[in-house]
């Protein structure tokens, strides 16, 4: 029974970690368009941290092995998401935005010369 509980803690840790870091990624992507970036950043942090700490507290109780299992799941989710959304993804997105803005600039400069 203890092995099943540890596996459950691990899987819930992955889910909690995925939610936490997906929320962070979403927040960072929304910052440039936000009217109040500091409020968005702090609000997102408080909400994500409350979810993470609350869920782990409820999940693990007084069992250190369940805590360790859940935190391992959180770190695994973090590692997976960093590899998925890592620098190459960000650089690819930046190149796409730069290409689109150069197309818009060329079109507007051609429109002004006519």
Protein backbone atom coordinates (compact mmCIF):
# COMPACT_ATOMS: atom_id res chain seq x y z
CA UNK A 1 0.00 0.00 0.00
CA UNK A 2 2.84 2.42 0.79
CA UNK A 3 4.30 2.03 -2.72
CA UNK A 4 0.96 2.99 -4.27
CA UNK A 5 0.75 6.05 -2.03
CA UNK A 6 4.28 7.09 -3.00
CA UNK A 7 3.43 6.67 -6.69
CA UNK A 8 0.28 8.74 -6.17
CA UNK A 9 2.30 11.47 -4.43
CA UNK A 10 4.80 11.44 -7.29
CA UNK A 11 2.10 11.73 -9.96
CA UNK A 12 0.29 14.51 -8.11
CA UNK A 13 3.66 16.25 -7.72
CA UNK A 14 4.11 16.12 -11.49
CA UNK A 15 0.63 17.60 -11.96
CA UNK A 16 1.20 20.35 -9.39
CA UNK A 17 4.61 21.15 -10.86
CA UNK A 18 3.20 21.30 -14.38
CA UNK A 19 0.48 23.71 -13.21
CA UNK A 20 2.98 25.86 -11.29
CA UNK A 21 5.49 26.20 -14.10
CA UNK A 22 2.85 26.52 -16.83
CA UNK A 23 1.39 29.38 -14.81
CA UNK A 24 4.83 30.96 -14.59
CA UNK A 25 5.34 30.61 -18.35
CA UNK A 26 1.92 32.12 -19.04
CA UNK A 27 2.62 35.02 -16.67
CA UNK A 28 5.98 35.81 -18.25
CA UNK A 29 4.42 35.80 -21.72
CA UNK A 30 1.67 38.21 -20.56
CA UNK A 31 4.03 40.72 -18.89
CA UNK A 32 4.83 42.83 -21.98
CA UNK A 33 1.15 43.45 -22.72
CA UNK A 34 0.12 43.99 -19.11
CA UNK A 35 -0.88 47.43 -17.87
CA UNK A 36 0.30 46.51 -14.36
CA UNK A 37 3.14 44.01 -14.74
CA UNK A 38 4.19 44.13 -11.08
CA UNK A 39 0.67 43.29 -9.92
CA UNK A 40 0.43 40.48 -12.45
CA UNK A 41 3.78 39.04 -11.38
CA UNK A 42 3.10 39.24 -7.64
CA UNK A 43 -0.49 38.00 -7.96
CA UNK A 44 0.57 35.08 -10.11
CA UNK A 45 3.37 34.19 -7.72
CA UNK A 46 1.10 34.22 -4.66
CA UNK A 47 -1.56 32.13 -6.41
CA UNK A 48 0.95 29.60 -7.78
CA UNK A 49 2.78 29.31 -4.46
CA UNK A 50 -0.47 28.88 -2.51
CA UNK A 51 -1.52 26.11 -4.88
CA UNK A 52 1.85 24.37 -4.66
CA UNK A 53 2.31 24.58 -0.89
CA UNK A 54 -1.34 23.87 -0.11
CA UNK A 55 -1.54 20.82 -2.35
CA UNK A 56 1.74 19.38 -1.08
CA UNK A 57 0.71 20.00 2.53
CA UNK A 58 -2.63 18.25 2.04
CA UNK A 59 -1.05 15.46 0.05
CA UNK A 60 1.89 14.59 2.27
CA UNK A 61 0.63 15.16 5.79
CA UNK A 62 3.38 14.10 8.21
CA UNK A 63 5.05 11.60 5.88
CA UNK A 64 8.47 12.74 4.76
CA UNK A 65 8.59 10.02 2.11
CA UNK A 66 5.41 11.36 0.49
CA UNK A 67 6.86 14.88 0.60
CA UNK A 68 10.05 13.69 -1.08
CA UNK A 69 8.06 11.80 -3.71
CA UNK A 70 5.85 14.81 -4.49
CA UNK A 71 8.81 17.21 -4.69
CA UNK A 72 10.58 14.79 -7.03
CA UNK A 73 7.50 14.93 -9.26
CA UNK A 74 7.53 18.74 -9.18
CA UNK A 75 11.20 18.80 -10.18
CA UNK A 76 10.59 16.29 -12.96
CA UNK A 77 7.79 18.47 -14.34
CA UNK A 78 10.10 21.49 -14.15
CA UNK A 79 12.86 19.67 -16.04
CA UNK A 80 10.43 18.50 -18.73
CA UNK A 81 8.93 21.97 -19.21
CA UNK A 82 12.32 23.67 -19.33
CA UNK A 83 13.36 21.31 -22.09
CA UNK A 84 10.06 21.85 -23.88
CA UNK A 85 10.01 25.64 -23.54
CA UNK A 86 13.75 26.19 -23.23
CA UNK A 87 15.96 28.73 -24.98
CA UNK A 88 15.52 27.22 -28.45
CA UNK A 89 11.74 27.65 -28.28
CA UNK A 90 12.14 31.23 -27.05
CA UNK A 91 14.71 32.02 -29.75
CA UNK A 92 12.49 30.50 -32.45
CA UNK A 93 9.55 32.61 -31.25
CA UNK A 94 11.73 35.73 -31.17
CA UNK A 95 12.87 35.10 -34.76
CA UNK A 96 9.23 34.74 -35.86
CA UNK A 97 8.26 38.03 -34.20
CA UNK A 98 11.27 39.82 -35.73
CA UNK A 99 10.45 38.44 -39.17
CA UNK A 100 6.82 39.54 -38.88
CA UNK A 101 7.80 43.02 -37.69
CA UNK A 102 10.27 43.41 -40.58
CA UNK A 103 7.52 42.45 -43.04
CA UNK A 104 5.20 45.03 -41.49
CA UNK A 105 7.98 47.65 -41.60
CA UNK A 106 8.68 46.93 -45.27
CA UNK A 107 5.00 47.16 -46.13
CA UNK A 108 4.58 50.44 -44.29
CA UNK A 109 7.72 51.93 -45.87
CA UNK A 110 6.49 50.94 -49.35
CA UNK A 111 3.13 52.53 -48.57
CA UNK A 112 4.78 55.81 -47.50
CA UNK A 113 6.87 56.13 -50.70
CA UNK A 114 3.89 55.86 -53.03
